[in-house]
Every structure is written in C-alpha cells, then in structure tokens.
Amino acid sequence: MVVSNKPGARDPEGETIHRDLVAKSGFDRIRAIRAGKLLRVSVVAANSKEAKDIVTRMCHELRIFNPAAHALEVSEGELVG
C-alpha cells in the first residue's frame, strides 16, 4: 500500500528533498517531488479483492494514515497460492 499526501496538500518532506538535495545538485529540470510511504503487507485471503478489503479496513480502523490529509492506494502485489 502507498500512503501519500493528497494533491494540493503541502508535502514538507518532498519539498525539502527537492530544494535541499535535487535542485542544489543541478537537476533543475525536476520541478517537484512528492514523498510517501510504501508498506508491504502479507495477507492470508481467499482472493485479491478480499486481501485489498482487509488491508483497507485495517488502515482505516488502526489510523495507519490520516484520511483528511493522505491518499491511500492499495494494490495487488505478488499472489502466493
């Protein structure tokens, strides 16, 4: 799953990476960087839809992300049979 700041929301980490590392290193064609978190979650489920539903529910119930400020993207990874 990927947790990132919603479009339009400030991204201080991405701004710092861009300003203090990328731009100062001569990569002037890079206009912006957005930072996020990647979490790989191993789930036992009957199918990929059930796995995505479990992970999405977990993220909401456990407040792994702030839905007011962050976007959540849950995608299929490797399926182990």
N, C-alpha and C. Protein backbone atom coordinates (compact mmCIF):
# COMPACT_ATOMS: atom_id res chain seq x y z
N MET A 1 0.85 -1.16 0.00
CA MET A 1 0.00 0.00 0.00
C MET A 1 0.89 1.22 0.00
N VAL A 2 0.39 2.29 -0.56
CA VAL A 2 1.12 3.55 -0.60
C VAL A 2 0.29 4.61 0.10
N VAL A 3 0.91 5.33 1.03
CA VAL A 3 0.27 6.44 1.73
C VAL A 3 1.02 7.70 1.30
N SER A 4 0.28 8.66 0.74
CA SER A 4 0.91 9.91 0.30
C SER A 4 0.00 11.08 0.62
N ASN A 5 0.58 12.27 0.63
CA ASN A 5 -0.24 13.46 0.85
C ASN A 5 -1.19 13.65 -0.32
N LYS A 6 -2.39 14.11 -0.03
CA LYS A 6 -3.37 14.35 -1.08
C LYS A 6 -2.88 15.46 -2.01
N PRO A 7 -3.30 15.42 -3.28
CA PRO A 7 -2.94 16.50 -4.19
C PRO A 7 -3.39 17.85 -3.61
N GLY A 8 -2.56 18.83 -3.72
CA GLY A 8 -2.88 20.15 -3.19
C GLY A 8 -2.43 20.35 -1.75
N ALA A 9 -2.21 19.26 -1.03
CA ALA A 9 -1.73 19.37 0.36
C ALA A 9 -0.22 19.56 0.34
N ARG A 10 0.28 20.35 1.26
CA ARG A 10 1.74 20.55 1.34
C ARG A 10 2.42 19.22 1.63
N ASP A 11 3.62 19.10 1.12
CA ASP A 11 4.44 17.92 1.35
C ASP A 11 5.82 18.38 1.80
N PRO A 12 5.98 18.72 3.08
CA PRO A 12 7.26 19.26 3.56
C PRO A 12 8.45 18.35 3.27
N GLU A 13 8.26 17.05 3.39
CA GLU A 13 9.38 16.14 3.14
C GLU A 13 9.79 16.19 1.67
N GLY A 14 8.82 16.13 0.77
CA GLY A 14 9.12 16.21 -0.66
C GLY A 14 9.73 17.55 -1.03
N GLU A 15 9.22 18.63 -0.44
CA GLU A 15 9.75 19.97 -0.71
C GLU A 15 11.20 20.08 -0.27
N THR A 16 11.52 19.51 0.89
CA THR A 16 12.89 19.56 1.41
C THR A 16 13.83 18.75 0.52
N ILE A 17 13.41 17.57 0.12
CA ILE A 17 14.23 16.75 -0.79
C ILE A 17 14.50 17.52 -2.08
N HIS A 18 13.45 18.12 -2.63
CA HIS A 18 13.61 18.86 -3.88
C HIS A 18 14.52 20.06 -3.71
N ARG A 19 14.27 20.87 -2.71
CA ARG A 19 15.01 22.12 -2.51
C ARG A 19 16.46 21.88 -2.08
N ASP A 20 16.67 21.03 -1.08
CA ASP A 20 17.98 20.90 -0.46
C ASP A 20 18.87 19.83 -1.08
N LEU A 21 18.32 18.95 -1.88
CA LEU A 21 19.13 17.90 -2.46
C LEU A 21 19.12 17.95 -3.98
N VAL A 22 17.96 17.84 -4.57
CA VAL A 22 17.84 17.72 -6.02
C VAL A 22 18.21 19.02 -6.72
N ALA A 23 17.58 20.12 -6.36
CA ALA A 23 17.84 21.40 -7.04
C ALA A 23 19.28 21.85 -6.84
N LYS A 24 19.83 21.67 -5.66
CA LYS A 24 21.21 22.08 -5.38
C LYS A 24 22.23 21.19 -6.07
N SER A 25 21.80 20.05 -6.58
CA SER A 25 22.70 19.13 -7.26
C SER A 25 22.66 19.29 -8.78
N GLY A 26 21.95 20.31 -9.24
CA GLY A 26 21.94 20.61 -10.67
C GLY A 26 20.83 19.97 -11.47
N PHE A 27 19.91 19.30 -10.82
CA PHE A 27 18.78 18.69 -11.54
C PHE A 27 17.66 19.72 -11.67
N ASP A 28 17.93 20.78 -12.41
CA ASP A 28 17.00 21.90 -12.49
C ASP A 28 15.76 21.60 -13.33
N ARG A 29 15.73 20.50 -14.03
CA ARG A 29 14.54 20.14 -14.81
C ARG A 29 13.51 19.39 -13.96
N ILE A 30 13.89 18.99 -12.76
CA ILE A 30 12.95 18.36 -11.83
C ILE A 30 12.16 19.49 -11.18
N ARG A 31 10.87 19.50 -11.36
CA ARG A 31 10.01 20.60 -10.87
C ARG A 31 9.44 20.36 -9.48
N ALA A 32 9.19 19.10 -9.12
CA ALA A 32 8.59 18.83 -7.81
C ALA A 32 8.82 17.37 -7.44
N ILE A 33 8.83 17.12 -6.16
CA ILE A 33 8.94 15.76 -5.63
C ILE A 33 7.89 15.60 -4.55
N ARG A 34 7.17 14.49 -4.58
CA ARG A 34 6.20 14.16 -3.54
C ARG A 34 6.72 12.93 -2.81
N ALA A 35 6.75 12.97 -1.49
CA ALA A 35 7.20 11.85 -0.69
C ALA A 35 5.99 11.05 -0.21
N GLY A 36 6.20 9.81 0.09
CA GLY A 36 5.13 8.96 0.60
C GLY A 36 5.74 7.79 1.34
N LYS A 37 4.88 6.88 1.78
CA LYS A 37 5.32 5.69 2.48
C LYS A 37 4.82 4.47 1.73
N LEU A 38 5.69 3.51 1.59
CA LEU A 38 5.31 2.24 0.98
C LEU A 38 5.34 1.19 2.07
N LEU A 39 4.24 0.49 2.26
CA LEU A 39 4.18 -0.59 3.23
C LEU A 39 3.79 -1.86 2.48
N ARG A 40 4.58 -2.90 2.61
CA ARG A 40 4.24 -4.19 2.02
C ARG A 40 3.59 -5.03 3.11
N VAL A 41 2.40 -5.51 2.84
CA VAL A 41 1.63 -6.25 3.84
C VAL A 41 1.35 -7.64 3.29
N SER A 42 1.66 -8.65 4.06
CA SER A 42 1.36 -10.03 3.68
C SER A 42 0.02 -10.41 4.31
N VAL A 43 -0.92 -10.87 3.47
CA VAL A 43 -2.29 -11.15 3.92
C VAL A 43 -2.70 -12.56 3.49
N VAL A 44 -3.36 -13.27 4.37
CA VAL A 44 -3.96 -14.54 4.02
C VAL A 44 -5.42 -14.26 3.68
N ALA A 45 -5.80 -14.51 2.42
CA ALA A 45 -7.17 -14.23 1.97
C ALA A 45 -7.53 -15.19 0.84
N ALA A 46 -8.83 -15.33 0.60
CA ALA A 46 -9.31 -16.23 -0.45
C ALA A 46 -8.99 -15.71 -1.84
N ASN A 47 -8.94 -14.35 -1.98
CA ASN A 47 -8.66 -13.77 -3.29
C ASN A 47 -8.12 -12.35 -3.11
N SER A 48 -7.73 -11.73 -4.21
CA SER A 48 -7.10 -10.40 -4.12
C SER A 48 -8.08 -9.33 -3.64
N LYS A 49 -9.36 -9.44 -4.00
CA LYS A 49 -10.34 -8.45 -3.55
C LYS A 49 -10.48 -8.51 -2.03
N GLU A 50 -10.57 -9.71 -1.49
CA GLU A 50 -10.68 -9.86 -0.04
C GLU A 50 -9.42 -9.30 0.64
N ALA A 51 -8.24 -9.57 0.09
CA ALA A 51 -6.99 -9.06 0.67
C ALA A 51 -6.97 -7.54 0.67
N LYS A 52 -7.37 -6.93 -0.44
CA LYS A 52 -7.40 -5.46 -0.52
C LYS A 52 -8.39 -4.90 0.49
N ASP A 53 -9.54 -5.54 0.64
CA ASP A 53 -10.55 -5.09 1.60
C ASP A 53 -10.02 -5.17 3.04
N ILE A 54 -9.30 -6.25 3.37
CA ILE A 54 -8.74 -6.41 4.71
C ILE A 54 -7.72 -5.31 5.00
N VAL A 55 -6.82 -5.07 4.05
CA VAL A 55 -5.78 -4.05 4.25
C VAL A 55 -6.40 -2.67 4.35
N THR A 56 -7.37 -2.36 3.50
CA THR A 56 -8.02 -1.06 3.54
C THR A 56 -8.73 -0.85 4.87
N ARG A 57 -9.45 -1.86 5.33
CA ARG A 57 -10.15 -1.76 6.62
C ARG A 57 -9.15 -1.58 7.76
N MET A 58 -8.04 -2.33 7.72
CA MET A 58 -7.01 -2.21 8.75
C MET A 58 -6.47 -0.78 8.80
N CYS A 59 -6.18 -0.21 7.63
CA CYS A 59 -5.61 1.15 7.58
C CYS A 59 -6.56 2.17 8.17
N HIS A 60 -7.85 2.03 7.89
CA HIS A 60 -8.83 2.96 8.43
C HIS A 60 -9.04 2.76 9.93
N GLU A 61 -9.23 1.52 10.35
CA GLU A 61 -9.53 1.25 11.76
C GLU A 61 -8.35 1.56 12.68
N LEU A 62 -7.13 1.30 12.22
CA LEU A 62 -5.95 1.50 13.05
C LEU A 62 -5.29 2.86 12.84
N ARG A 63 -5.92 3.67 11.98
CA ARG A 63 -5.41 5.03 11.70
C ARG A 63 -3.96 5.01 11.23
N ILE A 64 -3.64 4.07 10.34
CA ILE A 64 -2.31 4.00 9.78
C ILE A 64 -2.04 5.21 8.89
N PHE A 65 -3.09 5.86 8.44
CA PHE A 65 -2.97 7.09 7.67
C PHE A 65 -4.09 8.03 8.10
N ASN A 66 -3.93 9.30 7.77
CA ASN A 66 -4.93 10.31 8.11
C ASN A 66 -5.75 10.59 6.84
N PRO A 67 -6.98 10.12 6.76
CA PRO A 67 -7.76 10.29 5.53
C PRO A 67 -8.04 11.75 5.17
N ALA A 68 -7.92 12.66 6.12
CA ALA A 68 -8.12 14.08 5.81
C ALA A 68 -6.93 14.65 5.04
N ALA A 69 -5.75 14.10 5.28
CA ALA A 69 -4.54 14.66 4.66
C ALA A 69 -3.87 13.73 3.66
N HIS A 70 -4.14 12.43 3.76
CA HIS A 70 -3.42 11.47 2.94
C HIS A 70 -4.34 10.70 2.00
N ALA A 71 -3.75 10.26 0.91
CA ALA A 71 -4.42 9.36 -0.01
C ALA A 71 -3.88 7.96 0.23
N LEU A 72 -4.70 6.95 0.12
CA LEU A 72 -4.31 5.57 0.33
C LEU A 72 -4.50 4.81 -0.97
N GLU A 73 -3.48 4.09 -1.39
CA GLU A 73 -3.57 3.27 -2.59
C GLU A 73 -3.18 1.85 -2.21
N VAL A 74 -4.13 0.92 -2.31
CA VAL A 74 -3.86 -0.48 -2.01
C VAL A 74 -3.88 -1.21 -3.34
N SER A 75 -2.76 -1.86 -3.66
CA SER A 75 -2.68 -2.58 -4.94
C SER A 75 -2.22 -4.01 -4.70
N GLU A 76 -2.46 -4.84 -5.68
CA GLU A 76 -2.07 -6.23 -5.59
C GLU A 76 -0.57 -6.35 -5.76
N GLY A 77 0.01 -7.14 -4.93
CA GLY A 77 1.42 -7.46 -5.09
C GLY A 77 1.54 -8.86 -5.62
N GLU A 78 2.49 -9.58 -5.12
CA GLU A 78 2.64 -10.95 -5.51
C GLU A 78 1.56 -11.80 -4.84
N LEU A 79 0.93 -12.62 -5.62
CA LEU A 79 -0.05 -13.56 -5.06
C LEU A 79 0.61 -14.89 -4.84
N VAL A 80 0.51 -15.41 -3.63
CA VAL A 80 1.10 -16.70 -3.31
C VAL A 80 -0.04 -17.67 -3.12
N GLY A 81 0.00 -18.76 -3.84
CA GLY A 81 -1.09 -19.73 -3.79
C GLY A 81 -0.89 -20.84 -2.84
